[in-house]
């Protein structure tokens, strides 16, 4: 599957939500009291809430929020795994 196909699922005005979620995930990762397994849930929840306020309370907004959170987490993992692969 090409990235262009995946990027068409998220509305362009929500790309800033993806960036915000990436930053929130990074901040949570640096916080010692936050377990790693909770970060994906926190990022997704924040993403859904932001999208609800931007687009209204609809099923489409809910799905867009999930997609934004998922892309933020996936992008972060892509960078981390690439760094680990280069270091090995």
PDB file of N, CA and C in Angstrom:
ATOM      1  N   UNK A   1       0.839  -1.172   0.000  1.00  0.00           N
ATOM      2  CA  UNK A   1       0.000   0.000   0.000  1.00  0.00           C
ATOM      3  C   UNK A   1       0.887   1.239   0.000  1.00  0.00           C
ATOM      4  N   UNK A   2       0.563   2.179  -0.830  1.00  0.00           N
ATOM      5  CA  UNK A   2       1.361   3.394  -0.937  1.00  0.00           C
ATOM      6  C   UNK A   2       0.958   4.414   0.125  1.00  0.00           C
ATOM      7  N   UNK A   3       1.912   5.242   0.530  1.00  0.00           N
ATOM      8  CA  UNK A   3       1.656   6.278   1.523  1.00  0.00           C
ATOM      9  C   UNK A   3       0.613   7.260   1.020  1.00  0.00           C
ATOM     10  N   UNK A   4       0.593   7.556  -0.278  1.00  0.00           N
ATOM     11  CA  UNK A   4      -0.384   8.499  -0.827  1.00  0.00           C
ATOM     12  C   UNK A   4      -1.806   8.037  -0.568  1.00  0.00           C
ATOM     13  N   UNK A   5      -2.037   6.754  -0.663  1.00  0.00           N
ATOM     14  CA  UNK A   5      -3.371   6.216  -0.412  1.00  0.00           C
ATOM     15  C   UNK A   5      -3.748   6.406   1.050  1.00  0.00           C
ATOM     16  N   UNK A   6      -2.818   6.126   1.941  1.00  0.00           N
ATOM     17  CA  UNK A   6      -3.083   6.275   3.370  1.00  0.00           C
ATOM     18  C   UNK A   6      -3.310   7.743   3.715  1.00  0.00           C
ATOM     19  N   UNK A   7      -2.498   8.630   3.159  1.00  0.00           N
ATOM     20  CA  UNK A   7      -2.618  10.056   3.493  1.00  0.00           C
ATOM     21  C   UNK A   7      -3.924  10.655   2.994  1.00  0.00           C
ATOM     22  N   UNK A   8      -4.555  10.053   2.013  1.00  0.00           N
ATOM     23  CA  UNK A   8      -5.839  10.560   1.524  1.00  0.00           C
ATOM     24  C   UNK A   8      -6.977  10.269   2.497  1.00  0.00           C
ATOM     25  N   UNK A   9      -6.793   9.350   3.412  1.00  0.00           N
ATOM     26  CA  UNK A   9      -7.835   9.042   4.393  1.00  0.00           C
ATOM     27  C   UNK A   9      -7.991  10.147   5.424  1.00  0.00           C
ATOM     28  N   UNK A  10      -6.920  10.867   5.715  1.00  0.00           N
ATOM     29  CA  UNK A  10      -6.968  11.935   6.715  1.00  0.00           C
ATOM     30  C   UNK A  10      -7.183  13.264   6.012  1.00  0.00           C
ATOM     31  N   UNK A  11      -8.140  14.030   6.507  1.00  0.00           N
ATOM     32  CA  UNK A  11      -8.419  15.340   5.921  1.00  0.00           C
ATOM     33  C   UNK A  11      -7.204  16.251   6.103  1.00  0.00           C
ATOM     34  N   UNK A  12      -6.874  17.037   5.077  1.00  0.00           N
ATOM     35  CA  UNK A  12      -5.673  17.890   5.155  1.00  0.00           C
ATOM     36  C   UNK A  12      -5.669  18.850   6.346  1.00  0.00           C
ATOM     37  N   UNK A  13      -6.836  19.354   6.736  1.00  0.00           N
ATOM     38  CA  UNK A  13      -6.882  20.295   7.860  1.00  0.00           C
ATOM     39  C   UNK A  13      -6.563  19.626   9.198  1.00  0.00           C
ATOM     40  N   UNK A  14      -6.500  18.296   9.206  1.00  0.00           N
ATOM     41  CA  UNK A  14      -6.205  17.572  10.433  1.00  0.00           C
ATOM     42  C   UNK A  14      -4.743  17.157  10.557  1.00  0.00           C
ATOM     43  N   UNK A  15      -3.919  17.520   9.602  1.00  0.00           N
ATOM     44  CA  UNK A  15      -2.501  17.170   9.682  1.00  0.00           C
ATOM     45  C   UNK A  15      -1.817  17.836  10.873  1.00  0.00           C
ATOM     46  N   UNK A  16      -2.328  18.996  11.274  1.00  0.00           N
ATOM     47  CA  UNK A  16      -1.762  19.639  12.464  1.00  0.00           C
ATOM     48  C   UNK A  16      -2.113  18.839  13.721  1.00  0.00           C
ATOM     49  N   UNK A  17      -3.218  18.103  13.700  1.00  0.00           N
ATOM     50  CA  UNK A  17      -3.572  17.236  14.828  1.00  0.00           C
ATOM     51  C   UNK A  17      -2.565  16.094  14.925  1.00  0.00           C
ATOM     52  N   UNK A  18      -2.167  15.553  13.772  1.00  0.00           N
ATOM     53  CA  UNK A  18      -1.159  14.489  13.752  1.00  0.00           C
ATOM     54  C   UNK A  18       0.144  15.004  14.368  1.00  0.00           C
ATOM     55  N   UNK A  19       0.549  16.211  13.963  1.00  0.00           N
ATOM     56  CA  UNK A  19       1.781  16.794  14.503  1.00  0.00           C
ATOM     57  C   UNK A  19       1.661  17.036  16.011  1.00  0.00           C
ATOM     58  N   UNK A  20       0.509  17.531  16.446  1.00  0.00           N
ATOM     59  CA  UNK A  20       0.298  17.781  17.878  1.00  0.00           C
ATOM     60  C   UNK A  20       0.341  16.464  18.659  1.00  0.00           C
ATOM     61  N   UNK A  21      -0.249  15.426  18.104  1.00  0.00           N
ATOM     62  CA  UNK A  21      -0.247  14.117  18.778  1.00  0.00           C
ATOM     63  C   UNK A  21       1.167  13.548  18.851  1.00  0.00           C
ATOM     64  N   UNK A  22       1.952  13.771  17.826  1.00  0.00           N
ATOM     65  CA  UNK A  22       3.336  13.304  17.834  1.00  0.00           C
ATOM     66  C   UNK A  22       4.088  13.975  18.991  1.00  0.00           C
ATOM     67  N   UNK A  23       3.890  15.276  19.147  1.00  0.00           N
ATOM     68  CA  UNK A  23       4.549  16.025  20.217  1.00  0.00           C
ATOM     69  C   UNK A  23       4.053  15.557  21.589  1.00  0.00           C
ATOM     70  N   UNK A  24       2.749  15.353  21.713  1.00  0.00           N
ATOM     71  CA  UNK A  24       2.183  14.870  22.975  1.00  0.00           C
ATOM     72  C   UNK A  24       2.761  13.501  23.319  1.00  0.00           C
ATOM     73  N   UNK A  25       2.863  12.627  22.336  1.00  0.00           N
ATOM     74  CA  UNK A  25       3.448  11.307  22.558  1.00  0.00           C
ATOM     75  C   UNK A  25       4.894  11.393  22.999  1.00  0.00           C
ATOM     76  N   UNK A  26       5.650  12.300  22.393  1.00  0.00           N
ATOM     77  CA  UNK A  26       7.052  12.489  22.768  1.00  0.00           C
ATOM     78  C   UNK A  26       7.159  12.972  24.211  1.00  0.00           C
ATOM     79  N   UNK A  27       6.311  13.928  24.578  1.00  0.00           N
ATOM     80  CA  UNK A  27       6.332  14.455  25.943  1.00  0.00           C
ATOM     81  C   UNK A  27       5.968  13.351  26.948  1.00  0.00           C
ATOM     82  N   UNK A  28       4.948  12.568  26.615  1.00  0.00           N
ATOM     83  CA  UNK A  28       4.552  11.476  27.503  1.00  0.00           C
ATOM     84  C   UNK A  28       5.662  10.436  27.640  1.00  0.00           C
ATOM     85  N   UNK A  29       6.375  10.193  26.545  1.00  0.00           N
ATOM     86  CA  UNK A  29       7.472   9.218  26.570  1.00  0.00           C
ATOM     87  C   UNK A  29       8.581   9.679  27.513  1.00  0.00           C
ATOM     88  N   UNK A  30       8.791  10.986  27.616  1.00  0.00           N
ATOM     89  CA  UNK A  30       9.832  11.533  28.480  1.00  0.00           C
ATOM     90  C   UNK A  30       9.399  11.614  29.943  1.00  0.00           C
ATOM     91  N   UNK A  31       8.110  11.386  30.205  1.00  0.00           N
ATOM     92  CA  UNK A  31       7.586  11.467  31.565  1.00  0.00           C
ATOM     93  C   UNK A  31       7.735  10.108  32.248  1.00  0.00           C
ATOM     94  N   UNK A  32       8.549  10.028  33.298  1.00  0.00           N
ATOM     95  CA  UNK A  32       8.836   8.734  33.925  1.00  0.00           C
ATOM     96  C   UNK A  32       7.613   8.041  34.536  1.00  0.00           C
ATOM     97  N   UNK A  33       6.622   8.784  34.971  1.00  0.00           N
ATOM     98  CA  UNK A  33       5.478   8.190  35.653  1.00  0.00           C
ATOM     99  C   UNK A  33       4.427   7.644  34.682  1.00  0.00           C
ATOM    100  N   UNK A  34       4.606   7.851  33.388  1.00  0.00           N
ATOM    101  CA  UNK A  34       3.635   7.373  32.401  1.00  0.00           C
ATOM    102  C   UNK A  34       4.161   6.082  31.790  1.00  0.00           C
ATOM    103  N   UNK A  35       3.452   4.963  32.000  1.00  0.00           N
ATOM    104  CA  UNK A  35       3.896   3.695  31.401  1.00  0.00           C
ATOM    105  C   UNK A  35       3.803   3.752  29.874  1.00  0.00           C
ATOM    106  N   UNK A  36       4.754   3.125  29.204  1.00  0.00           N
ATOM    107  CA  UNK A  36       4.791   3.159  27.741  1.00  0.00           C
ATOM    108  C   UNK A  36       3.509   2.645  27.098  1.00  0.00           C
ATOM    109  N   UNK A  37       2.898   1.625  27.690  1.00  0.00           N
ATOM    110  CA  UNK A  37       1.721   1.027  27.072  1.00  0.00           C
ATOM    111  C   UNK A  37       0.512   1.966  27.087  1.00  0.00           C
ATOM    112  N   UNK A  38       0.520   3.002  27.934  1.00  0.00           N
ATOM    113  CA  UNK A  38      -0.611   3.930  27.992  1.00  0.00           C
ATOM    114  C   UNK A  38      -0.507   5.071  27.000  1.00  0.00           C
ATOM    115  N   UNK A  39       0.672   5.265  26.431  1.00  0.00           N
ATOM    116  CA  UNK A  39       0.885   6.415  25.552  1.00  0.00           C
ATOM    117  C   UNK A  39      -0.018   6.355  24.328  1.00  0.00           C
ATOM    118  N   UNK A  40      -0.138   5.212  23.696  1.00  0.00           N
ATOM    119  CA  UNK A  40      -0.976   5.114  22.497  1.00  0.00           C
ATOM    120  C   UNK A  40      -2.435   5.439  22.807  1.00  0.00           C
ATOM    121  N   UNK A  41      -2.905   5.023  23.973  1.00  0.00           N
ATOM    122  CA  UNK A  41      -4.289   5.315  24.351  1.00  0.00           C
ATOM    123  C   UNK A  41      -4.477   6.803  24.629  1.00  0.00           C
ATOM    124  N   UNK A  42      -3.523   7.407  25.308  1.00  0.00           N
ATOM    125  CA  UNK A  42      -3.605   8.834  25.609  1.00  0.00           C
ATOM    126  C   UNK A  42      -3.564   9.666  24.330  1.00  0.00           C
ATOM    127  N   UNK A  43      -2.658   9.328  23.439  1.00  0.00           N
ATOM    128  CA  UNK A  43      -2.533  10.064  22.180  1.00  0.00           C
ATOM    129  C   UNK A  43      -3.814   9.929  21.356  1.00  0.00           C
ATOM    130  N   UNK A  44      -4.358   8.737  21.285  1.00  0.00           N
ATOM    131  CA  UNK A  44      -5.584   8.525  20.520  1.00  0.00           C
ATOM    132  C   UNK A  44      -6.757   9.280  21.134  1.00  0.00           C
ATOM    133  N   UNK A  45      -6.874   9.253  22.446  1.00  0.00           N
ATOM    134  CA  UNK A  45      -7.958   9.970  23.114  1.00  0.00           C
ATOM    135  C   UNK A  45      -7.856  11.475  22.877  1.00  0.00           C
ATOM    136  N   UNK A  46      -6.669  12.022  23.024  1.00  0.00           N
ATOM    137  CA  UNK A  46      -6.460  13.454  22.782  1.00  0.00           C
ATOM    138  C   UNK A  46      -6.792  13.788  21.330  1.00  0.00           C
ATOM    139  N   UNK A  47      -6.376  12.936  20.418  1.00  0.00           N
ATOM    140  CA  UNK A  47      -6.647  13.154  19.006  1.00  0.00           C
ATOM    141  C   UNK A  47      -8.145  13.183  18.730  1.00  0.00           C
ATOM    142  N   UNK A  48      -8.872  12.235  19.279  1.00  0.00           N
ATOM    143  CA  UNK A  48     -10.326  12.189  19.078  1.00  0.00           C
ATOM    144  C   UNK A  48     -10.986  13.447  19.634  1.00  0.00           C
ATOM    145  N   UNK A  49     -10.575  13.873  20.808  1.00  0.00           N
ATOM    146  CA  UNK A  49     -11.161  15.070  21.425  1.00  0.00           C
ATOM    147  C   UNK A  49     -10.900  16.307  20.573  1.00  0.00           C
ATOM    148  N   UNK A  50      -9.662  16.470  20.103  1.00  0.00           N
ATOM    149  CA  UNK A  50      -9.329  17.631  19.269  1.00  0.00           C
ATOM    150  C   UNK A  50     -10.150  17.627  17.992  1.00  0.00           C
ATOM    151  N   UNK A  51     -10.250  16.474  17.351  1.00  0.00           N
ATOM    152  CA  UNK A  51     -11.001  16.390  16.096  1.00  0.00           C
ATOM    153  C   UNK A  51     -12.491  16.640  16.345  1.00  0.00           C
ATOM    154  N   UNK A  52     -13.027  16.162  17.452  1.00  0.00           N
ATOM    155  CA  UNK A  52     -14.426  16.455  17.784  1.00  0.00           C
ATOM    156  C   UNK A  52     -14.660  17.958  17.847  1.00  0.00           C
ATOM    157  N   UNK A  53     -13.740  18.681  18.479  1.00  0.00           N
ATOM    158  CA  UNK A  53     -13.905  20.130  18.579  1.00  0.00           C
ATOM    159  C   UNK A  53     -13.718  20.823  17.232  1.00  0.00           C
ATOM    160  N   UNK A  54     -12.917  20.255  16.378  1.00  0.00           N
ATOM    161  CA  UNK A  54     -12.680  20.875  15.070  1.00  0.00           C
ATOM    162  C   UNK A  54     -13.808  20.593  14.073  1.00  0.00           C
ATOM    163  N   UNK A  55     -14.294  19.350  14.054  1.00  0.00           N
ATOM    164  CA  UNK A  55     -15.248  18.938  13.027  1.00  0.00           C
ATOM    165  C   UNK A  55     -16.652  18.662  13.551  1.00  0.00           C
ATOM    166  N   UNK A  56     -16.827  18.644  14.855  1.00  0.00           N
ATOM    167  CA  UNK A  56     -18.135  18.325  15.425  1.00  0.00           C
ATOM    168  C   UNK A  56     -18.181  16.878  15.894  1.00  0.00           C
ATOM    169  N   UNK A  57     -19.248  16.573  16.601  1.00  0.00           N
ATOM    170  CA  UNK A  57     -19.389  15.248  17.194  1.00  0.00           C
ATOM    171  C   UNK A  57     -20.120  14.316  16.223  1.00  0.00           C
ATOM    172  N   UNK A  58     -19.356  13.709  15.329  1.00  0.00           N
ATOM    173  CA  UNK A  58     -19.912  12.779  14.350  1.00  0.00           C
ATOM    174  C   UNK A  58     -19.075  11.506  14.326  1.00  0.00           C
ATOM    175  N   UNK A  59     -19.618  10.494  13.684  1.00  0.00           N
ATOM    176  CA  UNK A  59     -18.872   9.238  13.537  1.00  0.00           C
ATOM    177  C   UNK A  59     -17.629   9.472  12.694  1.00  0.00           C
ATOM    178  N   UNK A  60     -17.748  10.287  11.660  1.00  0.00           N
ATOM    179  CA  UNK A  60     -16.582  10.582  10.821  1.00  0.00           C
ATOM    180  C   UNK A  60     -15.478  11.259  11.628  1.00  0.00           C
ATOM    181  N   UNK A  61     -15.853  12.167  12.521  1.00  0.00           N
ATOM    182  CA  UNK A  61     -14.860  12.832  13.373  1.00  0.00           C
ATOM    183  C   UNK A  61     -14.164  11.825  14.274  1.00  0.00           C
ATOM    184  N   UNK A  62     -14.939  10.902  14.813  1.00  0.00           N
ATOM    185  CA  UNK A  62     -14.368   9.858  15.663  1.00  0.00           C
ATOM    186  C   UNK A  62     -13.337   9.040  14.888  1.00  0.00           C
ATOM    187  N   UNK A  63     -13.703   8.630  13.671  1.00  0.00           N
ATOM    188  CA  UNK A  63     -12.780   7.847  12.842  1.00  0.00           C
ATOM    189  C   UNK A  63     -11.562   8.659  12.427  1.00  0.00           C
ATOM    190  N   UNK A  64     -11.763   9.934  12.110  1.00  0.00           N
ATOM    191  CA  UNK A  64     -10.633  10.800  11.757  1.00  0.00           C
ATOM    192  C   UNK A  64      -9.690  10.960  12.951  1.00  0.00           C
ATOM    193  N   UNK A  65     -10.253  11.055  14.154  1.00  0.00           N
ATOM    194  CA  UNK A  65      -9.428  11.152  15.362  1.00  0.00           C
ATOM    195  C   UNK A  65      -8.590   9.910  15.572  1.00  0.00           C
ATOM    196  N   UNK A  66      -9.201   8.752  15.374  1.00  0.00           N
ATOM    197  CA  UNK A  66      -8.451   7.501  15.493  1.00  0.00           C
ATOM    198  C   UNK A  66      -7.335   7.450  14.457  1.00  0.00           C
ATOM    199  N   UNK A  67      -7.632   7.835  13.232  1.00  0.00           N
ATOM    200  CA  UNK A  67      -6.612   7.823  12.177  1.00  0.00           C
ATOM    201  C   UNK A  67      -5.467   8.782  12.497  1.00  0.00           C
ATOM    202  N   UNK A  68      -5.792   9.975  12.986  1.00  0.00           N
ATOM    203  CA  UNK A  68      -4.741  10.946  13.323  1.00  0.00           C
ATOM    204  C   UNK A  68      -3.832  10.408  14.424  1.00  0.00           C
ATOM    205  N   UNK A  69      -4.429   9.841  15.468  1.00  0.00           N
ATOM    206  CA  UNK A  69      -3.635   9.258  16.547  1.00  0.00           C
ATOM    207  C   UNK A  69      -2.784   8.102  16.066  1.00  0.00           C
ATOM    208  N   UNK A  70      -3.380   7.253  15.222  1.00  0.00           N
ATOM    209  CA  UNK A  70      -2.655   6.087  14.721  1.00  0.00           C
ATOM    210  C   UNK A  70      -1.481   6.493  13.836  1.00  0.00           C
ATOM    211  N   UNK A  71      -1.683   7.482  12.981  1.00  0.00           N
ATOM    212  CA  UNK A  71      -0.593   7.930  12.103  1.00  0.00           C
ATOM    213  C   UNK A  71       0.523   8.573  12.921  1.00  0.00           C
ATOM    214  N   UNK A  72       0.168   9.302  13.970  1.00  0.00           N
ATOM    215  CA  UNK A  72       1.194   9.911  14.822  1.00  0.00           C
ATOM    216  C   UNK A  72       2.042   8.829  15.499  1.00  0.00           C
ATOM    217  N   UNK A  73       1.394   7.811  16.041  1.00  0.00           N
ATOM    218  CA  UNK A  73       2.124   6.733  16.713  1.00  0.00           C
ATOM    219  C   UNK A  73       2.944   5.936  15.696  1.00  0.00           C
ATOM    220  N   UNK A  74       2.350   5.648  14.540  1.00  0.00           N
ATOM    221  CA  UNK A  74       3.059   4.902  13.504  1.00  0.00           C
ATOM    222  C   UNK A  74       4.289   5.676  13.023  1.00  0.00           C
ATOM    223  N   UNK A  75       4.126   6.973  12.798  1.00  0.00           N
ATOM    224  CA  UNK A  75       5.255   7.791  12.343  1.00  0.00           C
ATOM    225  C   UNK A  75       6.381   7.802  13.352  1.00  0.00           C
ATOM    226  N   UNK A  76       6.021   7.916  14.630  1.00  0.00           N
ATOM    227  CA  UNK A  76       7.032   7.891  15.676  1.00  0.00           C
ATOM    228  C   UNK A  76       7.755   6.557  15.702  1.00  0.00           C
ATOM    229  N   UNK A  77       7.029   5.463  15.604  1.00  0.00           N
ATOM    230  CA  UNK A  77       7.643   4.137  15.604  1.00  0.00           C
ATOM    231  C   UNK A  77       8.523   3.929  14.373  1.00  0.00           C
ATOM    232  N   UNK A  78       8.101   4.459  13.255  1.00  0.00           N
ATOM    233  CA  UNK A  78       8.884   4.355  12.027  1.00  0.00           C
ATOM    234  C   UNK A  78      10.250   5.015  12.207  1.00  0.00           C
ATOM    235  N   UNK A  79      10.261   6.199  12.801  1.00  0.00           N
ATOM    236  CA  UNK A  79      11.522   6.909  13.052  1.00  0.00           C
ATOM    237  C   UNK A  79      12.382   6.142  14.051  1.00  0.00           C
ATOM    238  N   UNK A  80      11.778   5.688  15.156  1.00  0.00           N
ATOM    239  CA  UNK A  80      12.541   4.971  16.186  1.00  0.00           C
ATOM    240  C   UNK A  80      13.142   3.680  15.650  1.00  0.00           C
ATOM    241  N   UNK A  81      12.365   2.907  14.926  1.00  0.00           N
ATOM    242  CA  UNK A  81      12.858   1.633  14.410  1.00  0.00           C
ATOM    243  C   UNK A  81      13.940   1.842  13.346  1.00  0.00           C
ATOM    244  N   UNK A  82      13.810   2.907  12.569  1.00  0.00           N
ATOM    245  CA  UNK A  82      14.837   3.205  11.576  1.00  0.00           C
ATOM    246  C   UNK A  82      16.156   3.568  12.254  1.00  0.00           C
ATOM    247  N   UNK A  83      16.074   4.380  13.319  1.00  0.00           N
ATOM    248  CA  UNK A  83      17.282   4.726  14.074  1.00  0.00           C
ATOM    249  C   UNK A  83      17.939   3.490  14.671  1.00  0.00           C
ATOM    250  N   UNK A  84      17.128   2.591  15.221  1.00  0.00           N
ATOM    251  CA  UNK A  84      17.671   1.367  15.815  1.00  0.00           C
ATOM    252  C   UNK A  84      18.321   0.489  14.744  1.00  0.00           C
ATOM    253  N   UNK A  85      17.700   0.426  13.580  1.00  0.00           N
ATOM    254  CA  UNK A  85      18.247  -0.372  12.489  1.00  0.00           C
ATOM    255  C   UNK A  85      19.567   0.173  11.978  1.00  0.00           C
ATOM    256  N   UNK A  86      19.678   1.483  11.928  1.00  0.00           N
ATOM    257  CA  UNK A  86      20.934   2.105  11.466  1.00  0.00           C
ATOM    258  C   UNK A  86      22.043   1.908  12.502  1.00  0.00           C
ATOM    259  N   UNK A  87      21.678   1.978  13.787  1.00  0.00           N
ATOM    260  CA  UNK A  87      22.670   1.831  14.851  1.00  0.00           C
ATOM    261  C   UNK A  87      23.222   0.399  14.946  1.00  0.00           C
ATOM    262  N   UNK A  88      22.483  -0.573  14.482  1.00  0.00           N
ATOM    263  CA  UNK A  88      22.943  -1.969  14.597  1.00  0.00           C
ATOM    264  C   UNK A  88      23.941  -2.321  13.582  1.00  0.00           C
TER     265      UNK A  88
END
